[in-house]
C-alpha atoms as a PDB file:
ATOM      1  CA  MET A   1     -11.218  -1.888   3.572  1.00  0.00           C
ATOM      2  CA  TYR A   2     -13.956  -1.035   6.051  1.00  0.00           C
ATOM      3  CA  LEU A   3     -16.014  -4.149   5.352  1.00  0.00           C
ATOM      4  CA  ALA A   4     -12.958  -6.339   5.729  1.00  0.00           C
ATOM      5  CA  ILE A   5     -12.517  -5.229   9.336  1.00  0.00           C
ATOM      6  CA  LEU A   6     -16.161  -5.717  10.216  1.00  0.00           C
ATOM      7  CA  ALA A   7     -16.378  -9.080   8.432  1.00  0.00           C
ATOM      8  CA  GLY A   8     -13.237 -10.217  10.205  1.00  0.00           C
ATOM      9  CA  GLY A   9     -15.039 -10.110  13.523  1.00  0.00           C
ATOM     10  CA  ALA A  10     -13.189  -7.151  15.039  1.00  0.00           C
ATOM     11  CA  THR A  11     -15.383  -5.642  17.711  1.00  0.00           C
ATOM     12  CA  HIS A  12     -13.010  -3.329  19.563  1.00  0.00           C
ATOM     13  CA  ASP A  13     -14.504   0.168  19.764  1.00  0.00           C
ATOM     14  CA  SER A  14     -11.462   1.895  18.307  1.00  0.00           C
ATOM     15  CA  VAL A  15     -11.474  -0.445  15.320  1.00  0.00           C
ATOM     16  CA  LEU A  16     -15.149   0.196  14.684  1.00  0.00           C
ATOM     17  CA  ARG A  17     -14.755   3.945  15.006  1.00  0.00           C
ATOM     18  CA  SER A  18     -11.756   4.158  12.691  1.00  0.00           C
ATOM     19  CA  PRO A  19     -13.638   3.539   9.405  1.00  0.00           C
ATOM     20  CA  PHE A  20     -16.110   6.264  10.257  1.00  0.00           C
ATOM     21  CA  LEU A  21     -13.292   8.647  11.168  1.00  0.00           C
ATOM     22  CA  HIS A  22     -11.670   7.850   7.845  1.00  0.00           C
ATOM     23  CA  LEU A  23     -14.862   8.533   5.920  1.00  0.00           C
ATOM     24  CA  ALA A  24     -15.588  11.673   7.933  1.00  0.00           C
ATOM     25  CA  GLY A  25     -12.080  12.982   7.298  1.00  0.00           C
ATOM     26  CA  SER A  26     -12.480  12.380   3.562  1.00  0.00           C
ATOM     27  CA  LEU A  27     -15.792  14.251   3.479  1.00  0.00           C
ATOM     28  CA  VAL A  28     -14.376  17.187   5.444  1.00  0.00           C
ATOM     29  CA  LEU A  29     -11.336  17.382   3.148  1.00  0.00           C
ATOM     30  CA  PHE A  30     -13.642  17.419   0.131  1.00  0.00           C
ATOM     31  CA  ALA A  31     -15.743  20.179   1.748  1.00  0.00           C
ATOM     32  CA  ALA A  32     -12.581  22.201   2.451  1.00  0.00           C
ATOM     33  CA  LEU A  33     -11.546  22.033  -1.207  1.00  0.00           C
ATOM     34  CA  VAL A  34     -15.040  23.101  -2.293  1.00  0.00           C
ATOM     35  CA  LEU A  35     -14.873  26.110   0.035  1.00  0.00           C
ATOM     36  CA  GLU A  36     -11.454  26.995  -1.331  1.00  0.00           C
ATOM     37  CA  TRP A  37     -12.773  26.712  -4.888  1.00  0.00           C
ATOM     38  CA  PHE A  38     -15.499  29.241  -4.076  1.00  0.00           C
ATOM     39  CA  GLY A  39     -13.048  31.505  -2.259  1.00  0.00           C
ATOM     40  CA  VAL A  40     -10.518  31.562  -5.104  1.00  0.00           C
ATOM     41  CA  ASP A  41     -13.320  32.168  -7.604  1.00  0.00           C
ATOM     42  CA  PHE A  42     -14.663  35.084  -5.549  1.00  0.00           C
ATOM     43  CA  LEU A  43     -11.194  36.605  -5.365  1.00  0.00           C
ATOM     44  CA  HIS A  44     -10.596  36.203  -9.076  1.00  0.00           C
ATOM     45  CA  HIS A  45     -13.893  37.840 -10.052  1.00  0.00           C
ATOM     46  CA  ALA A  46     -13.979  40.381  -7.212  1.00  0.00           C
ATOM     47  CA  ILE A  47     -14.942  43.860  -8.340  1.00  0.00           C
ATOM     48  CA  SER A  48     -15.859  45.296  -4.962  1.00  0.00           C
ATOM     49  CA  ALA A  49     -14.078  45.147  -1.614  1.00  0.00           C
ATOM     50  CA  GLU A  50     -17.020  43.243  -0.141  1.00  0.00           C
ATOM     51  CA  GLN A  51     -16.574  40.437  -2.678  1.00  0.00           C
ATOM     52  CA  ALA A  52     -12.861  40.271  -1.941  1.00  0.00           C
ATOM     53  CA  HIS A  53     -13.490  40.050   1.805  1.00  0.00           C
ATOM     54  CA  LEU A  54     -15.938  37.178   1.232  1.00  0.00           C
ATOM     55  CA  GLY A  55     -13.305  35.344  -0.806  1.00  0.00           C
ATOM     56  CA  PHE A  56     -10.744  35.870   1.942  1.00  0.00           C
ATOM     57  CA  ARG A  57     -13.141  34.510   4.580  1.00  0.00           C
ATOM     58  CA  LEU A  58     -13.824  31.355   2.559  1.00  0.00           C
ATOM     59  CA  THR A  59     -10.157  30.705   1.857  1.00  0.00           C
ATOM     60  CA  ALA A  60      -9.383  31.260   5.548  1.00  0.00           C
ATOM     61  CA  VAL A  61     -11.858  28.556   6.629  1.00  0.00           C
ATOM     62  CA  ALA A  62     -10.610  25.961   4.116  1.00  0.00           C
ATOM     63  CA  PRO A  63      -7.145  25.246   5.622  1.00  0.00           C
ATOM     64  CA  ARG A  64      -8.625  24.991   9.116  1.00  0.00           C
ATOM     65  CA  LEU A  65     -10.699  22.088   7.833  1.00  0.00           C
ATOM     66  CA  ALA A  66      -8.193  20.587   5.394  1.00  0.00           C
ATOM     67  CA  GLY A  67      -5.275  20.238   7.817  1.00  0.00           C
ATOM     68  CA  PRO A  68      -7.031  18.260  10.571  1.00  0.00           C
ATOM     69  CA  SER A  69      -9.015  16.196   8.069  1.00  0.00           C
ATOM     70  CA  ALA A  70      -5.842  15.172   6.201  1.00  0.00           C
ATOM     71  CA  ALA A  71      -4.270  14.123   9.503  1.00  0.00           C
ATOM     72  CA  VAL A  72      -7.361  12.084  10.388  1.00  0.00           C
ATOM     73  CA  ILE A  73      -7.329  10.394   6.977  1.00  0.00           C
ATOM     74  CA  VAL A  74      -3.665   9.406   7.219  1.00  0.00           C
ATOM     75  CA  LEU A  75      -3.807   8.235  10.846  1.00  0.00           C
ATOM     76  CA  SER A  76      -7.075   6.328  10.543  1.00  0.00           C
ATOM     77  CA  GLY A  77      -6.034   4.921   7.156  1.00  0.00           C
ATOM     78  CA  GLY A  78      -2.782   3.650   8.635  1.00  0.00           C
ATOM     79  CA  TYR A  79      -4.698   2.172  11.555  1.00  0.00           C
ATOM     80  CA  LEU A  80      -7.091   0.377   9.216  1.00  0.00           C
ATOM     81  CA  SER A  81      -4.253  -0.894   7.045  1.00  0.00           C
ATOM     82  CA  ALA A  82      -2.405  -2.259  10.059  1.00  0.00           C
ATOM     83  CA  HIS A  83      -5.436  -4.267  11.172  1.00  0.00           C
ATOM     84  CA  ILE A  84      -6.085  -5.874   7.797  1.00  0.00           C
ATOM     85  CA  ALA A  85      -2.475  -5.970   6.515  1.00  0.00           C
ATOM     86  CA  GLY A  86      -3.622  -3.474   3.894  1.00  0.00           C
ATOM     87  CA  TRP A  87      -0.388  -1.496   3.871  1.00  0.00           C
ATOM     88  CA  ARG A  88       1.107  -4.129   1.585  1.00  0.00           C
ATOM     89  CA  GLN A  89      -1.471  -3.218  -1.047  1.00  0.00           C
ATOM     90  CA  GLY A  90      -0.118  -0.728  -3.544  1.00  0.00           C
ATOM     91  CA  TRP A  91      -3.218   1.418  -3.820  1.00  0.00           C
ATOM     92  CA  VAL A  92      -3.318   1.939  -0.045  1.00  0.00           C
ATOM     93  CA  GLN A  93       0.300   3.137   0.041  1.00  0.00           C
ATOM     94  CA  VAL A  94      -0.177   5.504  -2.877  1.00  0.00           C
ATOM     95  CA  SER A  95      -3.500   6.829  -1.531  1.00  0.00           C
ATOM     96  CA  LEU A  96      -2.106   7.727   1.881  1.00  0.00           C
ATOM     97  CA  LEU A  97       1.003   9.293   0.373  1.00  0.00           C
ATOM     98  CA  THR A  98      -1.183  11.295  -2.014  1.00  0.00           C
ATOM     99  CA  VAL A  99      -3.167  12.730   0.892  1.00  0.00           C
ATOM    100  CA  LEU A 100       0.127  13.905   2.368  1.00  0.00           C
ATOM    101  CA  VAL A 101       1.062  15.465  -0.982  1.00  0.00           C
ATOM    102  CA  ILE A 102      -2.294  17.286  -1.071  1.00  0.00           C
ATOM    103  CA  ALA A 103      -1.595  18.738   2.375  1.00  0.00           C
ATOM    104  CA  VAL A 104       1.978  19.747   1.456  1.00  0.00           C
ATOM    105  CA  VAL A 105       0.886  21.450  -1.777  1.00  0.00           C
ATOM    106  CA  GLY A 106      -1.733  23.440   0.111  1.00  0.00           C
ATOM    107  CA  ILE A 107       0.722  24.492   2.812  1.00  0.00           C
ATOM    108  CA  ALA A 108       3.629  25.267   0.476  1.00  0.00           C
ATOM    109  CA  PHE A 109       1.800  27.031  -2.356  1.00  0.00           C
ATOM    110  CA  SER A 110      -1.647  28.294  -1.381  1.00  0.00           C
ATOM    111  CA  GLY A 111      -0.751  29.254   2.187  1.00  0.00           C
ATOM    112  CA  PRO A 112       2.074  31.742   1.490  1.00  0.00           C
ATOM    113  CA  GLN A 113       0.246  33.272  -1.456  1.00  0.00           C
ATOM    114  CA  MET A 114      -2.949  33.830   0.518  1.00  0.00           C
ATOM    115  CA  ARG A 115      -0.974  35.438   3.340  1.00  0.00           C
ATOM    116  CA  ALA A 116       0.624  37.805   0.815  1.00  0.00           C
ATOM    117  CA  LEU A 117      -2.738  38.711  -0.704  1.00  0.00           C
ATOM    118  CA  ARG A 118      -4.252  39.466   2.705  1.00  0.00           C
ATOM    119  CA  LYS A 119      -1.556  42.098   3.201  1.00  0.00           C
ATOM    120  CA  VAL A 120      -2.728  44.013   0.120  1.00  0.00           C
ATOM    121  CA  GLN A 121      -4.184  47.353   1.238  1.00  0.00           C
ATOM    122  CA  PHE A 122      -7.517  48.543  -0.152  1.00  0.00           C
ATOM    123  CA  GLU A 123     -10.583  50.367   1.073  1.00  0.00           C
ATOM    124  CA  PRO A 124     -13.015  48.278   3.170  1.00  0.00           C
ATOM    125  CA  THR A 125     -15.912  49.171   0.870  1.00  0.00           C
ATOM    126  CA  GLY A 126     -16.407  50.275  -2.689  1.00  0.00           C
ATOM    127  CA  ARG A 127     -14.868  49.306  -5.995  1.00  0.00           C
ATOM    128  CA  LEU A 128     -11.445  47.673  -6.025  1.00  0.00           C
ATOM    129  CA  PRO A 129      -8.583  49.448  -7.800  1.00  0.00           C
ATOM    130  CA  SER A 130      -7.407  47.756 -10.970  1.00  0.00           C
ATOM    131  CA  ASP A 131      -3.969  46.903  -9.540  1.00  0.00           C
ATOM    132  CA  VAL A 132      -5.585  45.149  -6.555  1.00  0.00           C
ATOM    133  CA  ARG A 133      -7.845  43.167  -8.857  1.00  0.00           C
ATOM    134  CA  LEU A 134      -4.803  42.031 -10.805  1.00  0.00           C
ATOM    135  CA  ARG A 135      -3.121  40.883  -7.586  1.00  0.00           C
ATOM    136  CA  LEU A 136      -6.192  38.844  -6.655  1.00  0.00           C
ATOM    137  CA  GLN A 137      -6.134  37.065 -10.024  1.00  0.00           C
ATOM    138  CA  ASP A 138      -3.160  34.951  -9.013  1.00  0.00           C
ATOM    139  CA  SER A 139      -2.768  31.901 -11.254  1.00  0.00           C
ATOM    140  CA  ARG A 140      -0.810  30.008  -8.578  1.00  0.00           C
ATOM    141  CA  LEU A 141      -3.922  29.714  -6.425  1.00  0.00           C
ATOM    142  CA  LEU A 142      -5.826  28.244  -9.355  1.00  0.00           C
ATOM    143  CA  VAL A 143      -3.063  25.742 -10.131  1.00  0.00           C
ATOM    144  CA  SER A 144      -2.896  24.649  -6.488  1.00  0.00           C
ATOM    145  CA  ILE A 145      -6.624  24.042  -6.052  1.00  0.00           C
ATOM    146  CA  CYS A 146      -6.966  22.283  -9.426  1.00  0.00           C
ATOM    147  CA  LEU A 147      -4.004  20.013  -8.699  1.00  0.00           C
ATOM    148  CA  ARG A 148      -5.210  19.065  -5.213  1.00  0.00           C
ATOM    149  CA  SER A 149      -8.773  18.460  -6.408  1.00  0.00           C
ATOM    150  CA  ALA A 150      -7.555  16.195  -9.203  1.00  0.00           C
ATOM    151  CA  LEU A 151      -5.349  14.254  -6.780  1.00  0.00           C
ATOM    152  CA  LEU A 152      -8.245  13.777  -4.371  1.00  0.00           C
ATOM    153  CA  LEU A 153     -10.407  12.433  -7.195  1.00  0.00           C
ATOM    154  CA  GLY A 154      -7.496  10.162  -8.089  1.00  0.00           C
ATOM    155  CA  VAL A 155      -7.552   8.764  -4.550  1.00  0.00           C
ATOM    156  CA  VAL A 156     -11.272   8.029  -4.965  1.00  0.00           C
ATOM    157  CA  PHE A 157     -10.431   6.172  -8.184  1.00  0.00           C
ATOM    158  CA  LEU A 158      -7.793   4.097  -6.393  1.00  0.00           C
ATOM    159  CA  MET A 159     -10.269   3.198  -3.646  1.00  0.00           C
ATOM    160  CA  ALA A 160     -12.638   1.894  -6.305  1.00  0.00           C
ATOM    161  CA  SER A 161     -10.110   0.144  -8.555  1.00  0.00           C
ATOM    162  CA  ARG A 162      -7.620  -1.143  -5.920  1.00  0.00           C
ATOM    163  CA  THR A 163      -4.775  -1.377  -8.390  1.00  0.00           C
ATOM    164  CA  GLY A 164      -1.177  -2.335  -7.705  1.00  0.00           C
ATOM    165  CA  PHE A 165       1.583   0.047  -6.708  1.00  0.00           C
ATOM    166  CA  ALA A 166       2.869   0.829 -10.222  1.00  0.00           C
ATOM    167  CA  GLU A 167      -0.622   1.199 -11.652  1.00  0.00           C
ATOM    168  CA  SER A 168      -1.632   3.431  -8.745  1.00  0.00           C
ATOM    169  CA  LEU A 169       1.388   5.672  -9.245  1.00  0.00           C
ATOM    170  CA  ALA A 170       0.556   5.944 -12.949  1.00  0.00           C
ATOM    171  CA  ALA A 171      -3.062   6.804 -12.122  1.00  0.00           C
ATOM    172  CA  MET A 172      -1.985   9.563  -9.729  1.00  0.00           C
ATOM    173  CA  GLY A 173       0.450  10.900 -12.315  1.00  0.00           C
ATOM    174  CA  CYS A 174      -2.401  11.106 -14.828  1.00  0.00           C
ATOM    175  CA  ALA A 175      -4.588  12.814 -12.206  1.00  0.00           C
ATOM    176  CA  ALA A 176      -1.870  15.418 -11.569  1.00  0.00           C
ATOM    177  CA  ILE A 177      -1.488  16.084 -15.306  1.00  0.00           C
ATOM    178  CA  LEU A 178      -5.257  16.445 -15.705  1.00  0.00           C
ATOM    179  CA  GLY A 179      -5.317  18.887 -12.795  1.00  0.00           C
ATOM    180  CA  LEU A 180      -2.647  21.049 -14.414  1.00  0.00           C
ATOM    181  CA  ILE A 181      -4.470  20.923 -17.754  1.00  0.00           C
ATOM    182  CA  LEU A 182      -7.681  21.964 -16.006  1.00  0.00           C
ATOM    183  CA  ALA A 183      -5.920  24.913 -14.370  1.00  0.00           C
ATOM    184  CA  PHE A 184      -4.491  25.980 -17.739  1.00  0.00           C
ATOM    185  CA  PHE A 185      -7.889  25.661 -19.417  1.00  0.00           C
ATOM    186  CA  ILE A 186      -9.752  27.614 -16.721  1.00  0.00           C
ATOM    187  CA  GLY A 187      -7.038  30.252 -16.648  1.00  0.00           C
ATOM    188  CA  ASN A 188      -7.359  30.789 -20.398  1.00  0.00           C
ATOM    189  CA  GLN A 189     -11.144  30.929 -20.233  1.00  0.00           C
ATOM    190  CA  ARG A 190     -11.150  33.644 -17.582  1.00  0.00           C
ATOM    191  CA  GLN A 191     -10.919  37.120 -18.963  1.00  0.00           C
ATOM    192  CA  LYS A 192      -7.817  38.871 -17.698  1.00  0.00           C
ATOM    193  CA  LEU A 193      -7.870  42.503 -16.674  1.00  0.00           C
ATOM    194  CA  PRO A 194      -5.638  44.917 -18.554  1.00  0.00           C
ATOM    195  CA  SER A 195      -2.597  46.095 -16.680  1.00  0.00           C
ATOM    196  CA  PRO A 196      -2.701  49.376 -14.718  1.00  0.00           C
ATOM    197  CA  ALA A 197      -0.369  50.906 -17.311  1.00  0.00           C
ATOM    198  CA  SER A 198      -2.858  50.124 -20.081  1.00  0.00           C
ATOM    199  CA  PHE A 199      -5.633  51.707 -18.004  1.00  0.00           C
ATOM    200  CA  ARG A 200      -3.578  54.879 -17.673  1.00  0.00           C
ATOM    201  CA  GLY A 201      -2.754  54.842 -21.372  1.00  0.00           C
ATOM    202  CA  GLU A 202      -6.398  54.425 -22.307  1.00  0.00           C
ATOM    203  CA  ARG A 203      -7.428  57.301 -20.054  1.00  0.00           C
ATOM    204  CA  ALA A 204      -4.715  59.494 -21.548  1.00  0.00           C
ATOM    205  CA  ARG A 205      -5.820  58.607 -25.071  1.00  0.00           C
ATOM    206  CA  LEU A 206      -9.464  59.411 -24.308  1.00  0.00           C
ATOM    207  CA  SER A 207      -8.592  62.711 -22.662  1.00  0.00           C
ATOM    208  CA  SER A 208      -6.436  63.726 -25.615  1.00  0.00           C
ATOM    209  CA  GLN A 209      -9.282  62.899 -27.999  1.00  0.00           C
ATOM    210  CA  LYS A 210     -11.647  65.064 -25.970  1.00  0.00           C
ATOM    211  CA  GLU A 211      -9.174  67.947 -26.029  1.00  0.00           C
ATOM    212  CA  ARG A 212      -8.778  67.657 -29.797  1.00  0.00           C
ATOM    213  CA  SER A 213     -12.539  67.532 -30.272  1.00  0.00           C
ATOM    214  CA  LYS A 214     -12.961  70.696 -28.179  1.00  0.00           C
ATOM    215  CA  ALA A 215     -10.269  72.439 -30.168  1.00  0.00           C
END
């Protein structure tokens, strides 16, 4: 797409800047997802309050980068398509719509859940209580980041393959399914904490054993 504009002899400054804005927006969106990956992973494995706060800081930075970068990608991509009649190409339509879907999924799923987790009360330092650790191990965050990452990789595939509309939709459907499978696989691989009730039951069992041994 970018080479087509330059080869076509377009020299207007805004036309020349648009491909670089598009590429820059894509790189920033990728960086935002990487930061969110690290943040969600820190939250899931957090044992101390310091680790949880680091995860919250990373996940707070990610949407500030992802939102503007998605807007830049859509606007500059539409601008590029208009100048080379690229909007009639199926892969361009599906790619731009997929970027919008990535933004909507982040806003609708990850955003509300992160706001709810930030309201969880715990000490600023020290070891996290078991019930707080369970709250931080929210599977919805994992599903959201896996789905959006898979869709973004699907967009990269469409940029390389330049398939038609139906083929592009099928490719994005496969990317979404792979993202959900990845979330399921990672979720099963991660060791889940026992529930607070099981912690209390285990403590009660141990204390009763000690009492019997003393008797």
